[in-house]
Amino acid sequence: MRSGAAQSFQIDEVIHLVRKPRKKSRTGIYHIMLRGVNRQVIFEDEADKHRLLETIKRFKEKSHFKIYSYCLMDNHIHLLMKETEEPVSMIIQRISSSYVHWYNNKYDRTGHLFQERFKSECVETVSYFLTVLRYIHQNPIKAGLASNVLKSEWTSIHEYIDKPRFIDINLGLKLFSPDRAKAIQLFTLYMQESNDDKCLNDHIRLRMTDNEIRIYLAELGVPNSSLLQQMGKKERNELLVKLKALNGVSHRQLARMTGLSKSVITRAR
């Protein structure tokens, strides 16, 4: 290797190793995404998911952090949490190390399971707290793995609606109403709202072209936008739900393609 090339390689290595410090949240609240190395599966069965939740609960009791929501996907995890006595990096290290040790023993494997550096974003306003809360609960829907947020088994949605086990639900519900029954009702409606929320994302979202959408509409028996606009509300909304579930399609693009208003598309369910 030439000396110039060698020097460049060394500089690239130093740049790769020097990481920017994680941004500190003024509120101590973070949206965390922890995913499998090379996007590999981190849960082989439901027992693994139960183990991860038990691990989070156990360290919550020890480290006294707060957790407002979670979503367990096959190859990644979303958490909305608040650090108190320990920094969030130490909390995630404790949880991941414990789970990986158990997982490796169970499956007779060695080495890393999670990507070394987890993703995080600061949550510093009420509006963004609610956005992330909804985004996490809707993650299975946005990934095309569930049709309804209330039917997603591996999220914290039912701790809010039914009975909490270890999720700190008071803050989220009080933001809707001081009356608990009304708060749950408003929370449930908000969690089901269609949206274009952009938060930490792990599923690859490729943009669909207008022509691909036209082909898909034709396959659904709608060769042109005029036919869609003449449909009854129920039939039209059923079709719009299918369109919104496509990976890589925005509400703005659908409005342009169908001639329907963005508000009509957003409300369709």
Protein backbone atom coordinates (compact mmCIF):
# COMPACT_ATOMS: atom_id res chain seq x y z
CA MET A 1 0.00 0.00 0.00
CA ARG A 2 1.34 3.48 -0.87
CA SER A 3 2.11 5.78 2.05
CA GLY A 4 -0.53 8.30 0.93
CA ALA A 5 -3.19 5.56 0.74
CA ALA A 6 -2.08 4.18 4.10
CA GLN A 7 -2.37 7.62 5.69
CA SER A 8 -5.84 8.10 4.20
CA PHE A 9 -6.92 4.72 5.52
CA GLN A 10 -5.68 5.59 9.02
CA ILE A 11 -7.50 8.92 8.95
CA ASP A 12 -10.72 7.21 7.83
CA GLU A 13 -10.38 4.74 10.69
CA VAL A 14 -9.94 7.55 13.23
CA ILE A 15 -12.99 9.38 11.87
CA HIS A 16 -14.99 6.16 12.07
CA LEU A 17 -13.97 5.57 15.68
CA VAL A 18 -14.63 9.11 16.90
CA ARG A 19 -18.32 9.34 17.64
CA LYS A 20 -20.33 12.41 18.36
CA PRO A 21 -21.61 12.50 21.93
CA ARG A 22 -25.25 11.54 22.29
CA LYS A 23 -27.45 14.62 22.44
CA LYS A 24 -28.72 15.28 25.96
CA SER A 25 -32.47 15.72 26.41
CA ARG A 26 -33.49 18.70 28.53
CA THR A 27 -36.40 16.66 29.89
CA GLY A 28 -34.48 13.40 30.29
CA ILE A 29 -37.00 11.75 27.95
CA TYR A 30 -35.77 9.81 24.91
CA HIS A 31 -37.17 7.80 22.04
CA ILE A 32 -34.85 4.78 21.83
CA MET A 33 -34.47 2.28 19.01
CA LEU A 34 -32.36 -0.82 19.62
CA ARG A 35 -32.01 -3.18 16.68
CA GLY A 36 -30.34 -6.45 15.78
CA VAL A 37 -26.88 -6.31 14.28
CA ASN A 38 -27.21 -6.38 10.49
CA ARG A 39 -30.98 -6.18 11.10
CA GLN A 40 -31.03 -9.80 12.26
CA VAL A 41 -33.95 -11.26 14.23
CA ILE A 42 -33.66 -10.72 17.98
CA PHE A 43 -36.83 -12.60 18.97
CA GLU A 44 -37.23 -16.18 17.77
CA ASP A 45 -40.48 -16.80 19.64
CA GLU A 46 -42.91 -15.22 22.10
CA ALA A 47 -40.90 -16.50 25.07
CA ASP A 48 -38.03 -14.27 23.94
CA LYS A 49 -40.29 -11.22 23.88
CA HIS A 50 -41.63 -12.05 27.33
CA ARG A 51 -38.04 -12.33 28.56
CA LEU A 52 -37.11 -8.91 27.19
CA LEU A 53 -40.13 -7.30 28.87
CA GLU A 54 -39.27 -9.02 32.15
CA THR A 55 -35.72 -7.72 31.82
CA ILE A 56 -36.93 -4.14 31.27
CA LYS A 57 -39.26 -4.44 34.27
CA ARG A 58 -36.49 -5.82 36.48
CA PHE A 59 -34.03 -3.04 35.67
CA LYS A 60 -36.75 -0.42 35.97
CA GLU A 61 -37.18 -1.48 39.59
CA LYS A 62 -33.40 -1.24 40.14
CA SER A 63 -32.53 1.86 38.14
CA HIS A 64 -35.82 3.75 38.69
CA PHE A 65 -36.14 5.03 35.14
CA LYS A 66 -39.60 5.71 33.73
CA ILE A 67 -40.94 4.00 30.62
CA TYR A 68 -43.93 5.39 28.78
CA SER A 69 -44.26 2.96 25.85
CA TYR A 70 -42.64 0.10 24.02
CA CYS A 71 -42.97 -1.86 20.80
CA LEU A 72 -41.23 -5.16 20.13
CA MET A 73 -40.67 -6.00 16.47
CA ASP A 74 -38.89 -9.11 15.20
CA ASN A 75 -35.57 -7.35 14.68
CA HIS A 76 -35.81 -4.13 16.69
CA ILE A 77 -37.27 -2.46 19.75
CA HIS A 78 -38.77 0.99 20.31
CA LEU A 79 -38.86 2.54 23.80
CA LEU A 80 -40.07 5.89 25.11
CA MET A 81 -38.34 6.40 28.43
CA LYS A 82 -36.98 8.91 30.93
CA GLU A 83 -33.66 8.67 32.71
CA THR A 84 -33.58 9.60 36.39
CA GLU A 85 -30.74 8.21 38.53
CA GLU A 86 -28.73 6.69 35.66
CA PRO A 87 -28.02 7.95 32.12
CA VAL A 88 -30.02 6.33 29.37
CA SER A 89 -26.87 4.79 27.84
CA MET A 90 -26.20 2.83 31.03
CA ILE A 91 -29.83 1.72 31.27
CA ILE A 92 -29.84 0.37 27.72
CA GLN A 93 -26.49 -1.32 28.30
CA ARG A 94 -27.86 -3.10 31.38
CA ILE A 95 -31.02 -4.26 29.59
CA SER A 96 -29.31 -5.37 26.38
CA SER A 97 -26.40 -7.13 28.10
CA SER A 98 -28.73 -9.12 30.33
CA TYR A 99 -31.01 -10.13 27.46
CA VAL A 100 -28.13 -11.05 25.12
CA HIS A 101 -26.52 -13.21 27.81
CA TRP A 102 -29.79 -15.11 28.25
CA TYR A 103 -30.45 -15.28 24.50
CA ASN A 104 -26.97 -16.63 23.71
CA ASN A 105 -27.32 -19.31 26.35
CA LYS A 106 -30.74 -20.32 25.08
CA TYR A 107 -29.68 -20.61 21.45
CA ASP A 108 -26.11 -21.81 22.07
CA ARG A 109 -24.55 -18.85 20.29
CA THR A 110 -21.84 -16.28 20.96
CA GLY A 111 -21.18 -12.69 19.95
CA HIS A 112 -23.21 -9.54 19.56
CA LEU A 113 -26.96 -9.56 19.04
CA PHE A 114 -27.73 -5.85 19.06
CA GLN A 115 -26.19 -3.14 16.94
CA GLU A 116 -23.47 -1.60 19.07
CA ARG A 117 -24.76 1.96 19.16
CA PHE A 118 -28.49 2.33 19.68
CA LYS A 119 -30.39 5.19 18.06
CA SER A 120 -32.01 7.89 20.16
CA GLU A 121 -33.78 11.21 19.82
CA CYS A 122 -34.64 13.78 22.46
CA VAL A 123 -38.30 14.28 23.38
CA GLU A 124 -38.60 17.77 24.82
CA THR A 125 -42.12 19.00 24.07
CA VAL A 126 -45.62 17.80 24.88
CA SER A 127 -46.57 17.63 21.22
CA TYR A 128 -43.59 15.49 20.29
CA PHE A 129 -44.08 13.26 23.32
CA LEU A 130 -47.57 12.48 22.04
CA THR A 131 -46.27 12.02 18.50
CA VAL A 132 -43.66 9.48 19.61
CA LEU A 133 -46.15 7.75 21.88
CA ARG A 134 -48.45 7.23 18.91
CA TYR A 135 -45.64 6.36 16.52
CA ILE A 136 -44.38 3.57 18.77
CA HIS A 137 -47.84 2.09 19.20
CA GLN A 138 -48.47 2.32 15.46
CA ASN A 139 -45.09 0.88 14.44
CA PRO A 140 -46.51 -2.59 13.59
CA ILE A 141 -49.16 -0.94 11.40
CA LYS A 142 -46.64 1.29 9.60
CA ALA A 143 -44.50 -1.80 8.97
CA GLY A 144 -47.50 -3.64 7.51
CA LEU A 145 -47.61 -6.26 10.28
CA ALA A 146 -50.96 -5.33 11.83
CA SER A 147 -54.17 -3.72 10.66
CA ASN A 148 -55.19 -1.99 13.88
CA VAL A 149 -53.20 -0.45 16.71
CA LEU A 150 -55.55 -2.01 19.26
CA LYS A 151 -54.80 -5.49 17.93
CA SER A 152 -51.00 -5.17 18.20
CA GLU A 153 -49.96 -7.69 20.82
CA TRP A 154 -46.39 -6.60 21.48
CA THR A 155 -46.83 -2.93 22.29
CA SER A 156 -47.77 -1.11 25.49
CA ILE A 157 -51.14 0.02 24.11
CA HIS A 158 -53.15 -2.30 26.36
CA GLU A 159 -51.39 -1.06 29.51
CA TYR A 160 -53.03 2.29 28.82
CA ILE A 161 -56.45 0.94 27.92
CA ASP A 162 -56.76 -2.06 30.25
CA LYS A 163 -54.39 -2.41 33.19
CA PRO A 164 -50.79 -1.17 33.56
CA ARG A 165 -48.12 -3.66 34.60
CA PHE A 166 -44.91 -1.65 34.51
CA ILE A 167 -45.57 1.18 32.04
CA ASP A 168 -45.85 4.70 33.47
CA ILE A 169 -49.18 5.69 31.94
CA ASN A 170 -50.10 8.68 34.12
CA LEU A 171 -48.18 11.33 32.19
CA GLY A 172 -49.52 10.25 28.81
CA LEU A 173 -53.13 10.07 29.97
CA LYS A 174 -53.07 13.35 31.90
CA LEU A 175 -52.05 15.12 28.71
CA PHE A 176 -55.48 14.22 27.33
CA SER A 177 -57.65 14.89 30.38
CA PRO A 178 -57.49 14.92 34.21
CA ASP A 179 -60.50 12.61 34.14
CA ARG A 180 -59.13 9.07 33.71
CA ALA A 181 -62.10 7.62 31.81
CA LYS A 182 -62.20 10.55 29.38
CA ALA A 183 -58.40 10.46 29.04
CA ILE A 184 -58.45 6.80 28.01
CA GLN A 185 -61.18 7.51 25.48
CA LEU A 186 -59.28 10.43 23.92
CA PHE A 187 -56.00 8.50 24.06
CA THR A 188 -57.57 5.56 22.22
CA LEU A 189 -58.88 7.81 19.46
CA TYR A 190 -55.54 9.57 19.10
CA MET A 191 -53.63 6.30 18.88
CA GLN A 192 -55.80 5.23 15.93
CA GLU A 193 -55.46 8.44 13.91
CA SER A 194 -53.79 8.12 10.51
CA ASN A 195 -50.74 10.33 10.19
CA ASP A 196 -47.44 11.01 8.48
CA ASP A 197 -45.41 11.06 11.69
CA LYS A 198 -41.67 10.83 11.12
CA CYS A 199 -39.69 9.41 14.04
CA LEU A 200 -36.79 6.98 14.42
CA ASN A 201 -37.43 4.35 11.79
CA ASP A 202 -36.07 0.84 11.27
CA HIS A 203 -38.06 -0.55 8.38
CA ILE A 204 -36.74 0.44 4.97
CA ARG A 205 -39.27 2.66 3.26
CA LEU A 206 -38.80 2.99 -0.49
CA ARG A 207 -40.88 5.55 -2.33
CA MET A 208 -43.41 4.10 -4.75
CA THR A 209 -43.73 5.76 -8.12
CA ASP A 210 -47.02 7.20 -9.39
CA ASN A 211 -47.12 4.51 -12.05
CA GLU A 212 -46.75 1.73 -9.48
CA ILE A 213 -49.73 3.17 -7.61
CA ARG A 214 -51.75 3.32 -10.84
CA ILE A 215 -50.98 -0.35 -11.50
CA TYR A 216 -51.99 -1.28 -7.95
CA LEU A 217 -55.26 0.65 -8.30
CA ALA A 218 -55.99 -1.13 -11.57
CA GLU A 219 -55.42 -4.47 -9.83
CA LEU A 220 -58.00 -3.39 -7.26
CA GLY A 221 -60.47 -2.69 -10.04
CA VAL A 222 -60.01 1.08 -10.16
CA PRO A 223 -58.51 2.01 -13.56
CA ASN A 224 -58.85 5.77 -13.02
CA SER A 225 -59.29 8.38 -10.28
CA SER A 226 -62.76 9.38 -11.49
CA LEU A 227 -64.12 5.95 -10.56
CA LEU A 228 -62.61 6.26 -7.11
CA GLN A 229 -64.16 9.69 -6.59
CA GLN A 230 -67.62 8.32 -7.50
CA MET A 231 -67.48 5.51 -4.95
CA GLY A 232 -69.57 5.48 -1.80
CA LYS A 233 -67.78 6.55 1.35
CA LYS A 234 -67.48 3.04 2.84
CA GLU A 235 -66.10 1.44 -0.31
CA ARG A 236 -63.80 4.39 -0.97
CA ASN A 237 -62.37 4.35 2.56
CA GLU A 238 -61.73 0.62 2.41
CA LEU A 239 -59.67 1.17 -0.72
CA LEU A 240 -57.85 4.16 0.78
CA VAL A 241 -56.85 2.08 3.81
CA LYS A 242 -55.22 -0.42 1.45
CA LEU A 243 -53.39 2.37 -0.36
CA LYS A 244 -52.14 3.94 2.88
CA ALA A 245 -50.79 0.58 4.01
CA LEU A 246 -48.43 0.42 1.03
CA ASN A 247 -44.78 0.88 1.92
CA GLY A 248 -43.40 4.11 0.48
CA VAL A 249 -46.63 6.04 -0.13
CA SER A 250 -47.38 9.45 1.42
CA HIS A 251 -50.78 11.01 1.99
CA ARG A 252 -49.73 13.93 -0.20
CA GLN A 253 -48.90 11.59 -3.08
CA LEU A 254 -52.22 9.79 -2.71
CA ALA A 255 -54.08 13.10 -2.74
CA ARG A 256 -52.37 14.00 -6.00
CA MET A 257 -53.02 10.60 -7.55
CA THR A 258 -56.67 10.23 -6.50
CA GLY A 259 -57.90 13.82 -6.64
CA LEU A 260 -59.18 13.44 -3.07
CA SER A 261 -58.22 15.91 -0.35
CA LYS A 262 -55.45 15.03 2.08
CA SER A 263 -57.90 15.36 4.98
CA VAL A 264 -60.22 12.76 3.41
CA ILE A 265 -57.29 10.38 2.96
CA THR A 266 -56.04 10.99 6.51
CA ARG A 267 -59.46 10.31 8.06
CA ALA A 268 -60.10 7.12 6.08
CA ARG A 269 -60.07 4.02 8.27
